[in-house]
C-alpha atoms as a PDB file:
ATOM      1  CA  MET A   1     -29.526 -16.281  52.087  1.00  0.00           C
ATOM      2  CA  THR A   2     -28.994 -12.610  51.639  1.00  0.00           C
ATOM      3  CA  THR A   3     -25.203 -13.004  51.609  1.00  0.00           C
ATOM      4  CA  THR A   4     -25.345 -15.886  49.140  1.00  0.00           C
ATOM      5  CA  SER A   5     -27.502 -14.009  46.648  1.00  0.00           C
ATOM      6  CA  ALA A   6     -25.334 -10.886  46.891  1.00  0.00           C
ATOM      7  CA  VAL A   7     -22.101 -12.656  45.941  1.00  0.00           C
ATOM      8  CA  PRO A   8     -22.790 -13.139  42.234  1.00  0.00           C
ATOM      9  CA  ALA A   9     -24.263  -9.658  42.018  1.00  0.00           C
ATOM     10  CA  GLY A  10     -20.783  -8.095  42.136  1.00  0.00           C
ATOM     11  CA  PRO A  11     -19.430  -9.592  38.861  1.00  0.00           C
ATOM     12  CA  ALA A  12     -22.800  -9.102  37.165  1.00  0.00           C
ATOM     13  CA  ARG A  13     -22.842  -5.462  38.135  1.00  0.00           C
ATOM     14  CA  ARG A  14     -19.292  -4.958  36.916  1.00  0.00           C
ATOM     15  CA  ARG A  15     -20.200  -6.575  33.616  1.00  0.00           C
ATOM     16  CA  GLY A  16     -23.209  -4.294  33.340  1.00  0.00           C
ATOM     17  CA  VAL A  17     -21.082  -1.237  34.004  1.00  0.00           C
ATOM     18  CA  ALA A  18     -18.511  -2.385  31.430  1.00  0.00           C
ATOM     19  CA  VAL A  19     -21.235  -2.925  28.817  1.00  0.00           C
ATOM     20  CA  ALA A  20     -22.745   0.486  29.572  1.00  0.00           C
ATOM     21  CA  ARG A  21     -19.348   2.151  29.204  1.00  0.00           C
ATOM     22  CA  ALA A  22     -18.690   0.325  25.937  1.00  0.00           C
ATOM     23  CA  ARG A  23     -22.060   1.442  24.573  1.00  0.00           C
ATOM     24  CA  HIS A  24     -21.405   5.001  25.692  1.00  0.00           C
ATOM     25  CA  THR A  25     -17.986   4.991  24.031  1.00  0.00           C
ATOM     26  CA  LEU A  26     -19.378   3.523  20.812  1.00  0.00           C
ATOM     27  CA  GLY A  27     -22.183   6.081  20.770  1.00  0.00           C
ATOM     28  CA  ARG A  28     -19.733   8.924  21.305  1.00  0.00           C
ATOM     29  CA  VAL A  29     -17.509   7.688  18.473  1.00  0.00           C
ATOM     30  CA  LEU A  30     -20.494   7.317  16.140  1.00  0.00           C
ATOM     31  CA  VAL A  31     -21.693  10.836  16.963  1.00  0.00           C
ATOM     32  CA  THR A  32     -18.209  12.185  16.246  1.00  0.00           C
ATOM     33  CA  LEU A  33     -18.109  10.225  13.003  1.00  0.00           C
ATOM     34  CA  ALA A  34     -21.500  11.571  11.929  1.00  0.00           C
ATOM     35  CA  ARG A  35     -20.526  15.156  12.749  1.00  0.00           C
ATOM     36  CA  SER A  36     -17.243  14.803  10.874  1.00  0.00           C
ATOM     37  CA  ILE A  37     -18.941  13.363   7.799  1.00  0.00           C
ATOM     38  CA  ALA A  38     -21.533  16.153   7.855  1.00  0.00           C
ATOM     39  CA  ILE A  39     -18.661  18.637   7.640  1.00  0.00           C
ATOM     40  CA  ILE A  40     -16.430  16.615   5.311  1.00  0.00           C
ATOM     41  CA  VAL A  41     -18.929  16.039   2.506  1.00  0.00           C
ATOM     42  CA  PRO A  42     -19.689  19.711   1.680  1.00  0.00           C
ATOM     43  CA  VAL A  43     -16.039  20.635   2.191  1.00  0.00           C
ATOM     44  CA  PHE A  44     -14.977  17.931  -0.257  1.00  0.00           C
ATOM     45  CA  VAL A  45     -17.542  19.032  -2.861  1.00  0.00           C
ATOM     46  CA  VAL A  46     -16.511  22.690  -2.626  1.00  0.00           C
ATOM     47  CA  ALA A  47     -12.810  21.817  -2.666  1.00  0.00           C
ATOM     48  CA  THR A  48     -13.160  19.638  -5.760  1.00  0.00           C
ATOM     49  CA  PHE A  49     -15.198  22.343  -7.510  1.00  0.00           C
ATOM     50  CA  VAL A  50     -12.512  24.932  -6.821  1.00  0.00           C
ATOM     51  CA  THR A  51      -9.860  22.443  -7.909  1.00  0.00           C
ATOM     52  CA  PHE A  52     -11.595  21.777 -11.216  1.00  0.00           C
ATOM     53  CA  ALA A  53     -12.129  25.482 -11.799  1.00  0.00           C
ATOM     54  CA  LEU A  54      -8.351  25.941 -11.802  1.00  0.00           C
ATOM     55  CA  ARG A  55      -8.223  24.697 -15.387  1.00  0.00           C
ATOM     56  CA  SER A  56     -10.422  27.544 -16.610  1.00  0.00           C
ATOM     57  CA  LEU A  57      -8.505  30.051 -14.518  1.00  0.00           C
ATOM     58  CA  SER A  58      -5.118  28.793 -15.710  1.00  0.00           C
ATOM     59  CA  GLY A  59      -5.851  29.371 -19.393  1.00  0.00           C
ATOM     60  CA  LEU A  60      -3.872  26.225 -20.283  1.00  0.00           C
ATOM     61  CA  SER A  61      -4.958  23.826 -22.973  1.00  0.00           C
ATOM     62  CA  PRO A  62      -3.813  20.350 -24.078  1.00  0.00           C
ATOM     63  CA  ALA A  63      -3.697  21.695 -27.632  1.00  0.00           C
ATOM     64  CA  ARG A  64      -0.982  24.194 -26.706  1.00  0.00           C
ATOM     65  CA  ILE A  65       1.035  21.420 -25.037  1.00  0.00           C
ATOM     66  CA  GLN A  66       0.650  18.937 -27.898  1.00  0.00           C
ATOM     67  CA  LEU A  67       0.713  21.303 -30.900  1.00  0.00           C
ATOM     68  CA  GLY A  68       2.781  24.198 -29.601  1.00  0.00           C
ATOM     69  CA  GLU A  69       2.093  27.912 -29.476  1.00  0.00           C
ATOM     70  CA  GLU A  70       1.976  28.247 -33.277  1.00  0.00           C
ATOM     71  CA  ALA A  71      -1.024  25.949 -33.663  1.00  0.00           C
ATOM     72  CA  THR A  72      -3.932  27.223 -35.726  1.00  0.00           C
ATOM     73  CA  PRO A  73      -7.289  27.941 -34.056  1.00  0.00           C
ATOM     74  CA  GLU A  74      -8.850  25.069 -36.016  1.00  0.00           C
ATOM     75  CA  ALA A  75      -6.275  22.602 -34.734  1.00  0.00           C
ATOM     76  CA  VAL A  76      -6.674  23.888 -31.179  1.00  0.00           C
ATOM     77  CA  HIS A  77     -10.446  23.508 -31.389  1.00  0.00           C
ATOM     78  CA  ARG A  78     -10.109  19.972 -32.769  1.00  0.00           C
ATOM     79  CA  VAL A  79      -7.840  18.840 -29.924  1.00  0.00           C
ATOM     80  CA  GLU A  80      -9.974  20.508 -27.262  1.00  0.00           C
ATOM     81  CA  SER A  81     -13.054  18.803 -28.701  1.00  0.00           C
ATOM     82  CA  GLN A  82     -11.291  15.458 -28.398  1.00  0.00           C
ATOM     83  CA  TRP A  83     -10.734  16.184 -24.703  1.00  0.00           C
ATOM     84  CA  GLY A  84     -14.318  17.365 -24.221  1.00  0.00           C
ATOM     85  CA  LEU A  85     -13.286  20.902 -23.354  1.00  0.00           C
ATOM     86  CA  ASP A  86     -15.862  22.448 -25.658  1.00  0.00           C
ATOM     87  CA  ARG A  87     -18.734  21.316 -23.451  1.00  0.00           C
ATOM     88  CA  PRO A  88     -20.337  23.507 -20.737  1.00  0.00           C
ATOM     89  CA  PHE A  89     -18.266  23.925 -17.594  1.00  0.00           C
ATOM     90  CA  LEU A  90     -20.759  22.280 -15.227  1.00  0.00           C
ATOM     91  CA  VAL A  91     -21.081  19.273 -17.526  1.00  0.00           C
ATOM     92  CA  GLN A  92     -17.319  18.864 -17.555  1.00  0.00           C
ATOM     93  CA  TYR A  93     -17.185  19.200 -13.786  1.00  0.00           C
ATOM     94  CA  TRP A  94     -19.920  16.628 -13.205  1.00  0.00           C
ATOM     95  CA  ASP A  95     -18.247  14.078 -15.482  1.00  0.00           C
ATOM     96  CA  TRP A  96     -14.918  14.665 -13.764  1.00  0.00           C
ATOM     97  CA  PHE A  97     -16.443  14.582 -10.253  1.00  0.00           C
ATOM     98  CA  THR A  98     -18.267  11.299 -10.873  1.00  0.00           C
ATOM     99  CA  GLY A  99     -15.000   9.874 -12.147  1.00  0.00           C
ATOM    100  CA  VAL A 100     -13.247  11.034  -8.966  1.00  0.00           C
ATOM    101  CA  LEU A 101     -15.864   9.235  -6.867  1.00  0.00           C
ATOM    102  CA  HIS A 102     -14.980   6.054  -8.767  1.00  0.00           C
ATOM    103  CA  GLY A 103     -11.241   6.596  -8.323  1.00  0.00           C
ATOM    104  CA  GLN A 104     -10.678   7.866 -11.874  1.00  0.00           C
ATOM    105  CA  LEU A 105      -8.706  11.104 -11.957  1.00  0.00           C
ATOM    106  CA  GLY A 106      -8.535  11.550 -15.709  1.00  0.00           C
ATOM    107  CA  THR A 107      -5.812  11.337 -18.330  1.00  0.00           C
ATOM    108  CA  SER A 108      -2.541  13.229 -18.502  1.00  0.00           C
ATOM    109  CA  TRP A 109      -2.271  15.939 -21.126  1.00  0.00           C
ATOM    110  CA  THR A 110       1.438  15.310 -21.647  1.00  0.00           C
ATOM    111  CA  ASN A 111       1.642  11.535 -22.167  1.00  0.00           C
ATOM    112  CA  GLY A 112      -1.951  10.270 -22.187  1.00  0.00           C
ATOM    113  CA  ALA A 113      -1.337   8.017 -19.175  1.00  0.00           C
ATOM    114  CA  ASP A 114      -3.910   7.326 -16.480  1.00  0.00           C
ATOM    115  CA  ILE A 115      -3.379   9.855 -13.681  1.00  0.00           C
ATOM    116  CA  SER A 116      -4.613   7.500 -10.959  1.00  0.00           C
ATOM    117  CA  THR A 117      -1.886   5.026 -11.933  1.00  0.00           C
ATOM    118  CA  LEU A 118       0.811   7.700 -12.043  1.00  0.00           C
ATOM    119  CA  ILE A 119      -0.177   9.089  -8.657  1.00  0.00           C
ATOM    120  CA  GLY A 120      -0.391   5.609  -7.173  1.00  0.00           C
ATOM    121  CA  LEU A 121       3.220   4.898  -8.157  1.00  0.00           C
ATOM    122  CA  GLY A 122       4.524   8.016  -6.430  1.00  0.00           C
ATOM    123  CA  LEU A 123       2.099   7.988  -3.526  1.00  0.00           C
ATOM    124  CA  GLY A 124       3.401   4.656  -2.253  1.00  0.00           C
ATOM    125  CA  VAL A 125       6.882   6.152  -1.901  1.00  0.00           C
ATOM    126  CA  SER A 126       5.696   9.325  -0.179  1.00  0.00           C
ATOM    127  CA  LEU A 127       3.277   7.521   2.142  1.00  0.00           C
ATOM    128  CA  SER A 128       6.053   5.179   3.267  1.00  0.00           C
ATOM    129  CA  ILE A 129       8.348   8.064   4.106  1.00  0.00           C
ATOM    130  CA  ALA A 130       5.609  10.242   5.640  1.00  0.00           C
ATOM    131  CA  THR A 131       4.272   7.423   7.821  1.00  0.00           C
ATOM    132  CA  PHE A 132       7.729   6.569   9.133  1.00  0.00           C
ATOM    133  CA  ALA A 133       8.482  10.268   9.690  1.00  0.00           C
ATOM    134  CA  LEU A 134       5.230  10.652  11.606  1.00  0.00           C
ATOM    135  CA  ILE A 135       6.034   7.632  13.791  1.00  0.00           C
ATOM    136  CA  ILE A 136       9.493   9.005  14.569  1.00  0.00           C
ATOM    137  CA  GLY A 137       8.126  12.469  15.236  1.00  0.00           C
ATOM    138  CA  VAL A 138       5.292  11.310  17.488  1.00  0.00           C
ATOM    139  CA  LEU A 139       7.428   8.934  19.549  1.00  0.00           C
ATOM    140  CA  LEU A 140      10.374  11.301  20.025  1.00  0.00           C
ATOM    141  CA  GLY A 141       8.138  14.347  20.470  1.00  0.00           C
ATOM    142  CA  PHE A 142       6.014  12.500  23.038  1.00  0.00           C
ATOM    143  CA  VAL A 143       9.096  11.501  25.033  1.00  0.00           C
ATOM    144  CA  LEU A 144      10.650  14.973  24.927  1.00  0.00           C
ATOM    145  CA  GLY A 145       7.402  16.767  25.739  1.00  0.00           C
ATOM    146  CA  THR A 146       6.585  14.436  28.609  1.00  0.00           C
ATOM    147  CA  VAL A 147      10.047  14.632  30.148  1.00  0.00           C
ATOM    148  CA  ALA A 148      10.068  18.430  29.825  1.00  0.00           C
ATOM    149  CA  ALA A 149       6.674  18.655  31.546  1.00  0.00           C
ATOM    150  CA  LEU A 150       7.660  16.294  34.349  1.00  0.00           C
ATOM    151  CA  ARG A 151      10.934  18.199  34.886  1.00  0.00           C
ATOM    152  CA  ARG A 152       9.440  21.650  34.291  1.00  0.00           C
ATOM    153  CA  THR A 153      11.527  24.699  35.322  1.00  0.00           C
ATOM    154  CA  THR A 154      14.646  22.507  35.642  1.00  0.00           C
ATOM    155  CA  TRP A 155      17.718  22.373  33.424  1.00  0.00           C
ATOM    156  CA  VAL A 156      16.258  19.313  31.697  1.00  0.00           C
ATOM    157  CA  ASP A 157      13.213  21.337  30.659  1.00  0.00           C
ATOM    158  CA  ARG A 158      15.386  24.177  29.393  1.00  0.00           C
ATOM    159  CA  ALA A 159      17.664  21.802  27.490  1.00  0.00           C
ATOM    160  CA  ILE A 160      14.740  20.075  25.766  1.00  0.00           C
ATOM    161  CA  THR A 161      13.123  23.415  24.954  1.00  0.00           C
ATOM    162  CA  GLY A 162      16.363  24.664  23.425  1.00  0.00           C
ATOM    163  CA  PHE A 163      16.844  21.469  21.408  1.00  0.00           C
ATOM    164  CA  VAL A 164      13.267  21.587  20.102  1.00  0.00           C
ATOM    165  CA  THR A 165      13.678  25.242  19.143  1.00  0.00           C
ATOM    166  CA  VAL A 166      16.830  24.476  17.173  1.00  0.00           C
ATOM    167  CA  ILE A 167      15.401  21.557  15.190  1.00  0.00           C
ATOM    168  CA  SER A 168      12.194  23.463  14.471  1.00  0.00           C
ATOM    169  CA  VAL A 169      14.072  26.021  12.359  1.00  0.00           C
ATOM    170  CA  MET A 170      16.192  23.495  10.442  1.00  0.00           C
ATOM    171  CA  PRO A 171      14.884  23.019   6.867  1.00  0.00           C
ATOM    172  CA  ALA A 172      14.316  19.425   5.812  1.00  0.00           C
ATOM    173  CA  PHE A 173      16.596  19.714   2.789  1.00  0.00           C
ATOM    174  CA  VAL A 174      19.494  20.899   4.965  1.00  0.00           C
ATOM    175  CA  VAL A 175      18.963  18.023   7.376  1.00  0.00           C
ATOM    176  CA  GLY A 176      18.745  15.634   4.417  1.00  0.00           C
ATOM    177  CA  ILE A 177      22.055  16.798   2.957  1.00  0.00           C
ATOM    178  CA  VAL A 178      23.775  16.428   6.327  1.00  0.00           C
ATOM    179  CA  LEU A 179      22.309  12.940   6.826  1.00  0.00           C
ATOM    180  CA  VAL A 180      23.489  11.843   3.386  1.00  0.00           C
ATOM    181  CA  ALA A 181      26.982  13.229   3.965  1.00  0.00           C
ATOM    182  CA  VAL A 182      27.336  11.596   7.393  1.00  0.00           C
ATOM    183  CA  PHE A 183      25.416   8.311   7.307  1.00  0.00           C
ATOM    184  CA  ALA A 184      25.467   7.456   3.590  1.00  0.00           C
ATOM    185  CA  VAL A 185      28.733   8.849   2.223  1.00  0.00           C
ATOM    186  CA  GLY A 186      30.790   8.903   5.411  1.00  0.00           C
ATOM    187  CA  LEU A 187      29.680   5.893   7.442  1.00  0.00           C
ATOM    188  CA  HIS A 188      28.005   3.861   4.663  1.00  0.00           C
ATOM    189  CA  VAL A 189      25.216   2.868   7.048  1.00  0.00           C
ATOM    190  CA  PHE A 190      22.279   3.787   4.809  1.00  0.00           C
ATOM    191  CA  PRO A 191      21.898   4.116   1.026  1.00  0.00           C
ATOM    192  CA  SER A 192      22.147   7.651  -0.287  1.00  0.00           C
ATOM    193  CA  ALA A 193      19.374   7.421  -2.874  1.00  0.00           C
ATOM    194  CA  GLY A 194      16.751   5.188  -4.434  1.00  0.00           C
ATOM    195  CA  TYR A 195      13.708   3.298  -3.246  1.00  0.00           C
ATOM    196  CA  ILE A 196      12.838  -0.382  -2.905  1.00  0.00           C
ATOM    197  CA  PRO A 197       9.195  -1.414  -2.322  1.00  0.00           C
ATOM    198  CA  ALA A 198       8.419  -3.286   0.874  1.00  0.00           C
ATOM    199  CA  ALA A 199       7.249  -6.249  -1.207  1.00  0.00           C
ATOM    200  CA  GLN A 200      10.854  -6.785  -2.312  1.00  0.00           C
ATOM    201  CA  GLY A 201      12.196  -6.919   1.240  1.00  0.00           C
ATOM    202  CA  PHE A 202      11.389  -5.161   4.482  1.00  0.00           C
ATOM    203  CA  GLY A 203      15.019  -4.512   5.399  1.00  0.00           C
ATOM    204  CA  PRO A 204      16.039  -2.777   2.139  1.00  0.00           C
ATOM    205  CA  TRP A 205      12.759  -0.847   2.116  1.00  0.00           C
ATOM    206  CA  LEU A 206      13.328   0.413   5.663  1.00  0.00           C
ATOM    207  CA  ALA A 207      16.953   1.288   4.926  1.00  0.00           C
ATOM    208  CA  HIS A 208      15.979   3.438   1.922  1.00  0.00           C
ATOM    209  CA  ILE A 209      13.254   5.418   3.716  1.00  0.00           C
ATOM    210  CA  THR A 210      15.043   5.961   7.051  1.00  0.00           C
ATOM    211  CA  LEU A 211      17.130   9.016   6.143  1.00  0.00           C
ATOM    212  CA  PRO A 212      14.316  10.829   4.278  1.00  0.00           C
ATOM    213  CA  ALA A 213      11.937  10.076   7.144  1.00  0.00           C
ATOM    214  CA  ILE A 214      14.361  11.433   9.734  1.00  0.00           C
ATOM    215  CA  ALA A 215      14.853  14.590   7.673  1.00  0.00           C
ATOM    216  CA  LEU A 216      11.079  15.167   7.550  1.00  0.00           C
ATOM    217  CA  SER A 217      10.428  14.218  11.170  1.00  0.00           C
ATOM    218  CA  PHE A 218      12.174  17.182  12.818  1.00  0.00           C
ATOM    219  CA  ASP A 219       9.214  19.506  12.372  1.00  0.00           C
ATOM    220  CA  VAL A 220       6.830  16.897  13.803  1.00  0.00           C
ATOM    221  CA  VAL A 221       9.105  16.309  16.793  1.00  0.00           C
ATOM    222  CA  ALA A 222       9.225  20.026  17.553  1.00  0.00           C
ATOM    223  CA  ASP A 223       5.472  20.599  17.247  1.00  0.00           C
ATOM    224  CA  VAL A 224       4.451  17.533  19.255  1.00  0.00           C
ATOM    225  CA  ALA A 225       6.998  18.211  21.999  1.00  0.00           C
ATOM    226  CA  ARG A 226       6.024  21.869  22.392  1.00  0.00           C
ATOM    227  CA  GLN A 227       2.286  21.251  22.306  1.00  0.00           C
ATOM    228  CA  LEU A 228       2.470  18.306  24.686  1.00  0.00           C
ATOM    229  CA  ARG A 229       4.782  20.059  27.119  1.00  0.00           C
ATOM    230  CA  GLY A 230       2.569  23.152  27.290  1.00  0.00           C
ATOM    231  CA  SER A 231      -0.694  21.221  27.662  1.00  0.00           C
ATOM    232  CA  LEU A 232       0.722  18.882  30.319  1.00  0.00           C
ATOM    233  CA  VAL A 233       2.080  21.777  32.371  1.00  0.00           C
ATOM    234  CA  ALA A 234      -1.314  23.481  32.131  1.00  0.00           C
ATOM    235  CA  ALA A 235      -3.061  20.260  33.173  1.00  0.00           C
ATOM    236  CA  TYR A 236      -0.857  19.969  36.276  1.00  0.00           C
ATOM    237  CA  ARG A 237      -2.214  23.346  37.434  1.00  0.00           C
ATOM    238  CA  GLU A 238      -5.861  22.267  37.295  1.00  0.00           C
ATOM    239  CA  ASN A 239      -7.955  21.684  40.407  1.00  0.00           C
ATOM    240  CA  TYR A 240      -8.613  18.032  39.635  1.00  0.00           C
ATOM    241  CA  VAL A 241      -4.881  17.338  39.929  1.00  0.00           C
ATOM    242  CA  THR A 242      -4.784  19.056  43.313  1.00  0.00           C
ATOM    243  CA  GLY A 243      -7.758  16.966  44.385  1.00  0.00           C
ATOM    244  CA  ALA A 244      -6.026  13.779  43.233  1.00  0.00           C
ATOM    245  CA  VAL A 245      -2.943  14.686  45.263  1.00  0.00           C
ATOM    246  CA  VAL A 246      -5.088  15.339  48.331  1.00  0.00           C
ATOM    247  CA  ARG A 247      -6.758  11.943  47.899  1.00  0.00           C
ATOM    248  CA  GLY A 248      -3.333  10.333  48.040  1.00  0.00           C
ATOM    249  CA  LEU A 249      -3.099   9.047  44.470  1.00  0.00           C
ATOM    250  CA  SER A 250       0.372   8.111  43.284  1.00  0.00           C
ATOM    251  CA  PRO A 251       2.199  10.492  40.890  1.00  0.00           C
ATOM    252  CA  ARG A 252       2.132   7.815  38.183  1.00  0.00           C
ATOM    253  CA  ARG A 253      -1.635   7.372  38.436  1.00  0.00           C
ATOM    254  CA  ILE A 254      -2.186  11.122  38.512  1.00  0.00           C
ATOM    255  CA  PHE A 255      -0.115  11.530  35.365  1.00  0.00           C
ATOM    256  CA  LEU A 256      -1.663   8.665  33.378  1.00  0.00           C
ATOM    257  CA  THR A 257      -5.267   9.043  34.517  1.00  0.00           C
ATOM    258  CA  HIS A 258      -5.690  12.810  34.834  1.00  0.00           C
ATOM    259  CA  VAL A 259      -2.817  14.833  33.383  1.00  0.00           C
ATOM    260  CA  LEU A 260      -1.997  12.875  30.217  1.00  0.00           C
ATOM    261  CA  ARG A 261      -5.586  12.226  29.133  1.00  0.00           C
ATOM    262  CA  ASN A 262      -6.494  15.897  29.541  1.00  0.00           C
ATOM    263  CA  GLY A 263      -3.260  17.251  28.090  1.00  0.00           C
ATOM    264  CA  ILE A 264      -2.760  15.037  25.060  1.00  0.00           C
ATOM    265  CA  GLY A 265      -5.578  16.626  23.056  1.00  0.00           C
ATOM    266  CA  PRO A 266      -3.684  19.638  21.596  1.00  0.00           C
ATOM    267  CA  ALA A 267      -0.745  17.440  20.610  1.00  0.00           C
ATOM    268  CA  LEU A 268      -3.051  15.022  18.794  1.00  0.00           C
ATOM    269  CA  ALA A 269      -4.890  17.888  17.136  1.00  0.00           C
ATOM    270  CA  THR A 270      -1.642  19.185  15.612  1.00  0.00           C
ATOM    271  CA  LEU A 271      -1.219  15.886  13.818  1.00  0.00           C
ATOM    272  CA  GLY A 272      -4.400  16.508  11.837  1.00  0.00           C
ATOM    273  CA  LEU A 273      -2.508  18.471   9.205  1.00  0.00           C
ATOM    274  CA  LYS A 274       0.970  17.101   9.789  1.00  0.00           C
ATOM    275  CA  PHE A 275       0.653  13.847   7.883  1.00  0.00           C
ATOM    276  CA  PRO A 276      -0.750  15.359   4.650  1.00  0.00           C
ATOM    277  CA  ALA A 277       1.801  18.165   4.977  1.00  0.00           C
ATOM    278  CA  LEU A 278       4.594  15.594   5.191  1.00  0.00           C
ATOM    279  CA  VAL A 279       3.376  13.953   1.997  1.00  0.00           C
ATOM    280  CA  GLY A 280       3.130  17.267   0.169  1.00  0.00           C
ATOM    281  CA  ALA A 281       6.320  18.810   1.545  1.00  0.00           C
ATOM    282  CA  SER A 282       8.515  15.873   0.583  1.00  0.00           C
ATOM    283  CA  VAL A 283       9.317  17.223  -2.891  1.00  0.00           C
ATOM    284  CA  VAL A 284      12.710  18.700  -1.921  1.00  0.00           C
ATOM    285  CA  THR A 285      13.603  15.661   0.151  1.00  0.00           C
ATOM    286  CA  GLU A 286      12.680  13.392  -2.742  1.00  0.00           C
ATOM    287  CA  TRP A 287      15.041  15.325  -5.014  1.00  0.00           C
ATOM    288  CA  ILE A 288      17.883  14.965  -2.508  1.00  0.00           C
ATOM    289  CA  PHE A 289      17.388  11.230  -2.073  1.00  0.00           C
ATOM    290  CA  GLY A 290      16.580  10.478  -5.705  1.00  0.00           C
ATOM    291  CA  LEU A 291      12.984   9.405  -5.094  1.00  0.00           C
ATOM    292  CA  GLN A 292      10.132   9.630  -7.575  1.00  0.00           C
ATOM    293  CA  GLY A 293       7.371  10.265  -5.069  1.00  0.00           C
ATOM    294  CA  PHE A 294       4.093  12.124  -4.845  1.00  0.00           C
ATOM    295  CA  GLY A 295       5.669  15.523  -4.211  1.00  0.00           C
ATOM    296  CA  ARG A 296       8.050  15.225  -7.139  1.00  0.00           C
ATOM    297  CA  PHE A 297       5.231  14.099  -9.412  1.00  0.00           C
ATOM    298  CA  ALA A 298       3.203  17.148  -8.356  1.00  0.00           C
ATOM    299  CA  ASN A 299       6.142  19.441  -9.106  1.00  0.00           C
ATOM    300  CA  ASP A 300       6.816  17.866 -12.510  1.00  0.00           C
ATOM    301  CA  SER A 301       3.130  18.082 -13.457  1.00  0.00           C
ATOM    302  CA  ALA A 302       2.933  21.752 -12.506  1.00  0.00           C
ATOM    303  CA  GLN A 303       6.115  22.539 -14.440  1.00  0.00           C
ATOM    304  CA  ALA A 304       4.720  20.796 -17.540  1.00  0.00           C
ATOM    305  CA  GLY A 305       1.341  22.538 -17.300  1.00  0.00           C
ATOM    306  CA  ASP A 306      -0.430  19.181 -17.010  1.00  0.00           C
ATOM    307  CA  VAL A 307      -3.641  20.515 -15.439  1.00  0.00           C
ATOM    308  CA  PRO A 308      -5.459  17.150 -15.035  1.00  0.00           C
ATOM    309  CA  ALA A 309      -2.446  15.749 -13.197  1.00  0.00           C
ATOM    310  CA  VAL A 310      -2.302  18.796 -10.928  1.00  0.00           C
ATOM    311  CA  GLN A 311      -6.036  18.441 -10.277  1.00  0.00           C
ATOM    312  CA  GLY A 312      -5.499  14.794  -9.382  1.00  0.00           C
ATOM    313  CA  VAL A 313      -2.731  15.731  -6.980  1.00  0.00           C
ATOM    314  CA  LEU A 314      -4.973  18.285  -5.297  1.00  0.00           C
ATOM    315  CA  VAL A 315      -7.834  15.798  -4.983  1.00  0.00           C
ATOM    316  CA  VAL A 316      -5.579  13.188  -3.393  1.00  0.00           C
ATOM    317  CA  SER A 317      -4.207  15.840  -1.024  1.00  0.00           C
ATOM    318  CA  ILE A 318      -7.751  16.822  -0.044  1.00  0.00           C
ATOM    319  CA  VAL A 319      -8.629  13.184   0.624  1.00  0.00           C
ATOM    320  CA  LEU A 320      -5.513  12.730   2.774  1.00  0.00           C
ATOM    321  CA  VAL A 321      -6.326  15.822   4.827  1.00  0.00           C
ATOM    322  CA  VAL A 322      -9.946  14.767   5.293  1.00  0.00           C
ATOM    323  CA  LEU A 323      -9.203  11.157   6.211  1.00  0.00           C
ATOM    324  CA  PHE A 324      -6.392  11.938   8.622  1.00  0.00           C
ATOM    325  CA  ASN A 325      -8.408  14.628  10.377  1.00  0.00           C
ATOM    326  CA  LEU A 326     -11.277  12.170  10.671  1.00  0.00           C
ATOM    327  CA  ILE A 327      -8.953   9.631  12.292  1.00  0.00           C
ATOM    328  CA  VAL A 328      -7.625  12.260  14.698  1.00  0.00           C
ATOM    329  CA  ASN A 329     -11.151  13.330  15.641  1.00  0.00           C
ATOM    330  CA  LEU A 330     -12.146   9.732  16.359  1.00  0.00           C
ATOM    331  CA  VAL A 331      -9.050   9.208  18.511  1.00  0.00           C
ATOM    332  CA  LEU A 332      -9.754  12.414  20.409  1.00  0.00           C
ATOM    333  CA  ALA A 333     -13.348  11.324  20.987  1.00  0.00           C
ATOM    334  CA  ARG A 334     -12.091   8.059  22.446  1.00  0.00           C
ATOM    335  CA  VAL A 335      -9.166   9.329  24.514  1.00  0.00           C
ATOM    336  CA  THR A 336      -9.748  12.813  25.902  1.00  0.00           C
ATOM    337  CA  PRO A 337     -12.203  13.364  28.784  1.00  0.00           C
ATOM    338  CA  ALA A 338     -13.324  16.722  27.359  1.00  0.00           C
ATOM    339  CA  SER A 339     -14.543  15.008  24.211  1.00  0.00           C
ATOM    340  CA  GLN A 340     -16.279  12.377  26.292  1.00  0.00           C
ATOM    341  CA  ARG A 341     -18.233  15.106  28.064  1.00  0.00           C
ATOM    342  CA  GLY A 342     -19.141  16.615  24.717  1.00  0.00           C
ATOM    343  CA  VAL A 343     -16.997  19.709  25.216  1.00  0.00           C
END
C-alpha cells in the first residue's frame, strides 16, 4: 500500500517544483520590470524636458528659416505666434510632451511635414540595418569569445584576441568602402546602394542591408567577444566550477550550467547601449550606401536648423535606449544566476 501510494507522488512533486520555479521566475521578472519602470519614467521625463529646452538654448526660430535673416521684428513675431512660440515655456513643453505621449512629435519648420511620419520612413531603414548588424555581431562575437575562453592561453586565444583588436579600431565607413569595392563593384554579389522594403521581397531587402550591417557589426563583434571571453575566463576560476569538477560533471555541463550562465551577464549588459548606438551611428554608413535612414535624417535636420525634427530624433533615440535596456534587464533577470539571487 505504501509503495503504491508513493508512485504517483513522484510526478506530482516534480510538477509542483516546476510550478514553483515558474512562479519564482515570473515574480523575479515582474520585480525587475517594476524596478526598471520606476527608473525609466523619471529619466524619460527629465530627458524630454532637456530635449525641449534645446530650442530655447539654440536661439533658432522658424521665422528666421522661413523669412530669412532680414525679416522685420513684426514678421518674426507673427510667424512665431503661428507656431505658438510666444506662450510660456512650461505651457509649450506640456503641449509638446502630451503630444509625444500620443506619438505626435510636431511639425517640421522647414517643410511643414509631420515629423513622426518623416522619422518613421527613415527609422525603418536604420532599424533593419541595426537589427541585422546586432545579430551578426552577437553571433560572431559569442562564437569568438567562447572559443577564446575555452582555448585560453593557447595560440587560438591569441589569434582571436588579435583579430578582435584589429576590427575594433576599424571605422565603419572604411569597412563600408572596402565592402562596396570588393563585393559590390568587384564581385557583383551585393548591390552597392539603395534600399528595398521587406514588404517588396525578403531577398532583395536582405541583399541591400547586408553590406551596411556587416560594416556596422564589427564594433559589436569586438565588444561582445572581449566581454564574453573575459567573463568566461573569470567564471572558470570560481570555486563552484572547481566543485563541479570534483563532483565529476562533464566539461559540457560545467560550461553550459555554471560557466556560461554566470559569465554571459557582462556581454549582455554591453548590448544595452549597442543597438541604439547602431541606429544613431549609421549616418556615415547611410551616406556610403545611399540610404535615407534615421541617422541621415537627423544630420539633415540639424544642418537645416529644424529644431522640432531634431527634438523628435532625440525623443526616438531616448525611447530606443530605454526599451532596449529594459529588454536586456529582463533577459538578465531570467538568465543569470546572480540576478536570480537578487544580486
